[in-house]
Amino acid sequence: MDAPDSFGARYRARRWNWLRKAFPELERMSVIDLGGTADVWLRAPVRPAAVHIVNLEKPPEGLPDWLRADHGDACELPPEILAGDYDLVISNSVLEHVGGHARRQRFADAVHALAERHWVQTPYRYFPVEPHWVCPGMQFLPLAARVTVARHWPLVHTPPPDRETALRSVLDIELLSRTEMRAYFPRSDILSERAAGLTKSMIAVKTT
């Protein structure tokens, strides 16, 4: 977990403030979070009436009654989740991990089906620093070079133990352009989260 005054923590705090301004009734809403974690919501500065987390990780135990977690693929949600009664869909830094255009479209279709309102954030492809490895220009390199960076770049949080694992890690991430984001969320506002005056990530927001 980042220190309270760290770069990442400051951006997350600002994002929470944006979310609360976009959805002032958030504390009375039923939220489904695609790819989120219980830890994030337990530490969040705001608590909706109910939060349902869907994640590929094993659901944690001992959650409070307002917080529910299920194991599931956001691109292939079961009918009982798609039929749920939600006010808002939230997803942060997940869309770039789902794997290719077809699965990104299924993810977006699920967002549109789950609720009228949504908040979907993803890093911007053309920000000069690749956010997962904190490496300038890494996303523009050939695949083999990205694998080498993934193994040896000194700012990597947990270096992959071998080249095969590094390859899988690199292939797991596909950063999006603004054009792609607009294609998946054509009726949403696409907000820019900026750093040093440049777009760092994009947020597709639909408030009505």
Protein backbone atom coordinates (compact mmCIF):
# COMPACT_ATOMS: atom_id res chain seq x y z
CA MET A 1 0.00 0.00 0.00
CA ASP A 2 1.29 3.45 -0.92
CA ALA A 3 2.21 6.00 1.73
CA PRO A 4 -0.55 8.61 2.24
CA ASP A 5 1.55 11.35 0.60
CA SER A 6 2.81 9.22 -2.31
CA PHE A 7 2.16 10.03 -5.97
CA GLY A 8 -0.22 7.07 -6.37
CA ALA A 9 -2.12 7.83 -3.17
CA ARG A 10 -2.65 11.47 -4.17
CA TYR A 11 -4.07 10.45 -7.54
CA ARG A 12 -6.39 7.90 -5.97
CA ALA A 13 -7.64 10.49 -3.50
CA ARG A 14 -8.33 12.92 -6.34
CA ARG A 15 -10.16 10.19 -8.25
CA TRP A 16 -12.37 9.49 -5.23
CA ASN A 17 -13.23 13.20 -5.10
CA TRP A 18 -14.14 13.17 -8.79
CA LEU A 19 -16.33 10.13 -8.25
CA ARG A 20 -18.20 11.76 -5.38
CA LYS A 21 -18.79 14.93 -7.41
CA ALA A 22 -20.03 12.94 -10.41
CA PHE A 23 -22.37 10.87 -8.22
CA PRO A 24 -23.35 12.96 -5.18
CA GLU A 25 -25.86 10.27 -4.08
CA LEU A 26 -23.11 7.61 -4.01
CA GLU A 27 -23.69 6.80 -0.32
CA ARG A 28 -27.26 5.76 -1.19
CA MET A 29 -26.38 3.77 -4.31
CA SER A 30 -25.96 0.07 -5.07
CA VAL A 31 -22.61 -0.32 -6.84
CA ILE A 32 -21.07 -3.19 -8.79
CA ASP A 33 -17.28 -2.98 -9.10
CA LEU A 34 -15.80 -5.00 -11.96
CA GLY A 35 -12.28 -6.04 -11.03
CA GLY A 36 -12.14 -4.17 -7.74
CA THR A 37 -10.98 -5.41 -4.36
CA ALA A 38 -12.51 -5.44 -0.91
CA ASP A 39 -9.43 -3.77 0.56
CA VAL A 40 -9.92 -0.70 -1.64
CA TRP A 41 -13.53 -0.30 -0.51
CA LEU A 42 -12.75 -0.92 3.14
CA ARG A 43 -10.23 1.95 2.99
CA ALA A 44 -12.32 4.21 0.75
CA PRO A 45 -13.32 7.68 2.01
CA VAL A 46 -16.92 7.04 0.94
CA ARG A 47 -19.19 4.03 1.47
CA PRO A 48 -22.10 3.27 -0.86
CA ALA A 49 -25.22 1.58 0.48
CA ALA A 50 -24.05 -1.70 -1.12
CA VAL A 51 -21.01 -2.79 -3.11
CA HIS A 52 -20.78 -6.00 -5.14
CA ILE A 53 -17.24 -6.86 -6.28
CA VAL A 54 -16.63 -9.24 -9.19
CA ASN A 55 -13.01 -10.33 -9.53
CA LEU A 56 -11.00 -13.26 -10.88
CA GLU A 57 -9.39 -13.63 -7.45
CA LYS A 58 -10.82 -15.83 -4.71
CA PRO A 59 -13.44 -13.85 -2.74
CA PRO A 60 -12.26 -12.81 0.73
CA GLU A 61 -14.11 -13.93 3.84
CA GLY A 62 -15.49 -11.95 6.76
CA LEU A 63 -16.76 -8.96 4.78
CA PRO A 64 -19.22 -6.47 6.30
CA ASP A 65 -22.84 -6.85 5.25
CA TRP A 66 -22.71 -3.91 2.81
CA LEU A 67 -19.85 -5.50 0.84
CA ARG A 68 -20.20 -8.66 -1.27
CA ALA A 69 -17.52 -10.33 -3.41
CA ASP A 70 -17.86 -13.01 -6.10
CA HIS A 71 -15.37 -14.83 -8.27
CA GLY A 72 -16.17 -14.06 -11.89
CA ASP A 73 -15.00 -12.86 -15.30
CA ALA A 74 -16.40 -9.40 -16.09
CA CYS A 75 -16.45 -10.32 -19.79
CA GLU A 76 -18.56 -13.43 -19.15
CA LEU A 77 -20.83 -12.57 -16.25
CA PRO A 78 -23.44 -15.16 -15.22
CA PRO A 79 -27.12 -14.30 -15.76
CA GLU A 80 -27.78 -13.87 -12.03
CA ILE A 81 -25.24 -11.02 -11.86
CA LEU A 82 -26.36 -9.42 -15.13
CA ALA A 83 -29.92 -9.44 -13.77
CA GLY A 84 -28.89 -7.63 -10.57
CA ASP A 85 -30.33 -4.29 -9.51
CA TYR A 86 -27.44 -1.81 -9.59
CA ASP A 87 -27.34 1.97 -9.69
CA LEU A 88 -23.72 2.33 -10.81
CA VAL A 89 -20.92 0.30 -12.42
CA ILE A 90 -17.37 1.13 -11.38
CA SER A 91 -14.12 -0.22 -12.81
CA ASN A 92 -10.58 1.04 -12.30
CA SER A 93 -7.54 -0.09 -14.33
CA VAL A 94 -9.17 -3.30 -15.56
CA LEU A 95 -10.15 -2.70 -19.19
CA GLU A 96 -6.52 -2.80 -20.37
CA HIS A 97 -6.14 -6.30 -18.90
CA VAL A 98 -9.16 -8.17 -20.28
CA GLY A 99 -7.49 -9.30 -23.53
CA GLY A 100 -8.17 -8.01 -27.03
CA HIS A 101 -10.91 -6.06 -28.76
CA ALA A 102 -13.59 -8.77 -28.60
CA ARG A 103 -13.28 -9.14 -24.82
CA ARG A 104 -13.08 -5.38 -24.31
CA GLN A 105 -16.35 -5.07 -26.23
CA ARG A 106 -17.95 -7.77 -24.07
CA PHE A 107 -16.72 -5.92 -20.98
CA ALA A 108 -18.28 -2.68 -22.24
CA ASP A 109 -21.51 -4.50 -23.12
CA ALA A 110 -21.67 -5.82 -19.55
CA VAL A 111 -21.15 -2.30 -18.17
CA HIS A 112 -24.03 -0.99 -20.29
CA ALA A 113 -26.28 -3.91 -19.30
CA LEU A 114 -25.65 -3.70 -15.55
CA ALA A 115 -26.68 -0.08 -14.91
CA GLU A 116 -27.54 3.20 -16.61
CA ARG A 117 -24.63 4.94 -14.91
CA HIS A 118 -20.94 4.04 -14.94
CA TRP A 119 -17.40 5.13 -14.12
CA VAL A 120 -14.75 3.18 -16.06
CA GLN A 121 -11.11 4.24 -15.77
CA THR A 122 -8.12 2.96 -17.76
CA PRO A 123 -4.58 4.26 -18.38
CA TYR A 124 -4.05 6.25 -21.58
CA ARG A 125 -1.85 4.62 -24.19
CA TYR A 126 -0.09 7.84 -25.23
CA PHE A 127 1.00 9.03 -21.81
CA PRO A 128 4.81 8.92 -22.11
CA VAL A 129 5.35 6.61 -19.10
CA GLU A 130 3.95 3.07 -19.13
CA PRO A 131 2.16 2.91 -15.75
CA HIS A 132 2.56 -0.76 -14.87
CA TRP A 133 6.35 -0.77 -15.14
CA VAL A 134 6.86 3.00 -14.70
CA CYS A 135 9.04 2.95 -17.82
CA PRO A 136 9.11 5.77 -20.39
CA GLY A 137 7.91 4.66 -23.82
CA MET A 138 7.78 0.96 -22.98
CA GLN A 139 4.33 0.51 -24.58
CA PHE A 140 5.73 1.57 -27.98
CA LEU A 141 8.59 -0.95 -28.06
CA PRO A 142 8.55 -4.26 -29.98
CA LEU A 143 7.28 -7.19 -27.93
CA ALA A 144 10.72 -8.74 -27.37
CA ALA A 145 12.07 -5.43 -26.07
CA ARG A 146 9.09 -5.02 -23.72
CA VAL A 147 9.76 -8.49 -22.31
CA THR A 148 13.38 -7.54 -21.64
CA VAL A 149 12.29 -4.32 -19.92
CA ALA A 150 9.75 -6.24 -17.83
CA ARG A 151 12.53 -8.49 -16.53
CA HIS A 152 15.24 -5.92 -15.89
CA TRP A 153 13.79 -2.41 -15.49
CA PRO A 154 14.82 -1.26 -11.97
CA LEU A 155 11.42 0.27 -11.12
CA VAL A 156 9.53 -2.99 -11.63
CA HIS A 157 7.75 -3.75 -8.35
CA THR A 158 8.13 -7.54 -8.63
CA PRO A 159 10.40 -8.64 -11.51
CA PRO A 160 9.15 -11.77 -13.32
CA PRO A 161 11.26 -14.82 -12.43
CA ASP A 162 11.82 -15.89 -16.05
CA ARG A 163 11.27 -14.82 -19.65
CA GLU A 164 8.09 -16.87 -20.10
CA THR A 165 6.42 -15.19 -17.12
CA ALA A 166 7.58 -11.78 -18.36
CA LEU A 167 6.08 -12.51 -21.79
CA ARG A 168 2.72 -13.40 -20.26
CA SER A 169 2.80 -10.24 -18.12
CA VAL A 170 3.51 -8.03 -21.14
CA LEU A 171 0.85 -9.70 -23.30
CA ASP A 172 -1.69 -9.23 -20.51
CA ILE A 173 -1.64 -5.43 -20.93
CA GLU A 174 -3.03 -3.48 -23.89
CA LEU A 175 -3.29 0.24 -23.22
CA LEU A 176 -6.17 2.04 -24.93
CA SER A 177 -6.41 5.16 -27.07
CA ARG A 178 -9.14 7.77 -26.72
CA THR A 179 -10.66 6.59 -30.01
CA GLU A 180 -11.03 3.06 -28.62
CA MET A 181 -12.51 4.35 -25.38
CA ARG A 182 -15.11 6.37 -27.30
CA ALA A 183 -15.97 3.33 -29.40
CA TYR A 184 -16.69 1.22 -26.32
CA PHE A 185 -18.54 4.00 -24.47
CA PRO A 186 -20.13 6.16 -27.19
CA ARG A 187 -22.73 7.83 -24.93
CA SER A 188 -20.31 8.63 -22.10
CA ASP A 189 -18.21 11.65 -21.28
CA ILE A 190 -14.52 10.76 -21.58
CA LEU A 191 -12.66 12.62 -18.84
CA SER A 192 -8.90 13.09 -18.80
CA GLU A 193 -6.90 12.51 -15.64
CA ARG A 194 -3.75 14.57 -16.13
CA ALA A 195 -0.18 14.56 -14.87
CA ALA A 196 2.25 17.32 -15.82
CA GLY A 197 -0.42 18.65 -18.18
CA LEU A 198 -0.64 15.37 -20.12
CA THR A 199 -3.47 12.84 -20.13
CA LYS A 200 -2.44 10.04 -17.78
CA SER A 201 -5.68 8.04 -17.84
CA MET A 202 -9.19 8.25 -19.22
CA ILE A 203 -12.49 7.83 -17.41
CA ALA A 204 -15.72 6.99 -19.23
CA VAL A 205 -18.50 8.56 -17.14
CA LYS A 206 -22.23 8.34 -17.62
CA THR A 207 -24.24 10.05 -14.89
CA THR A 208 -27.79 9.59 -16.23
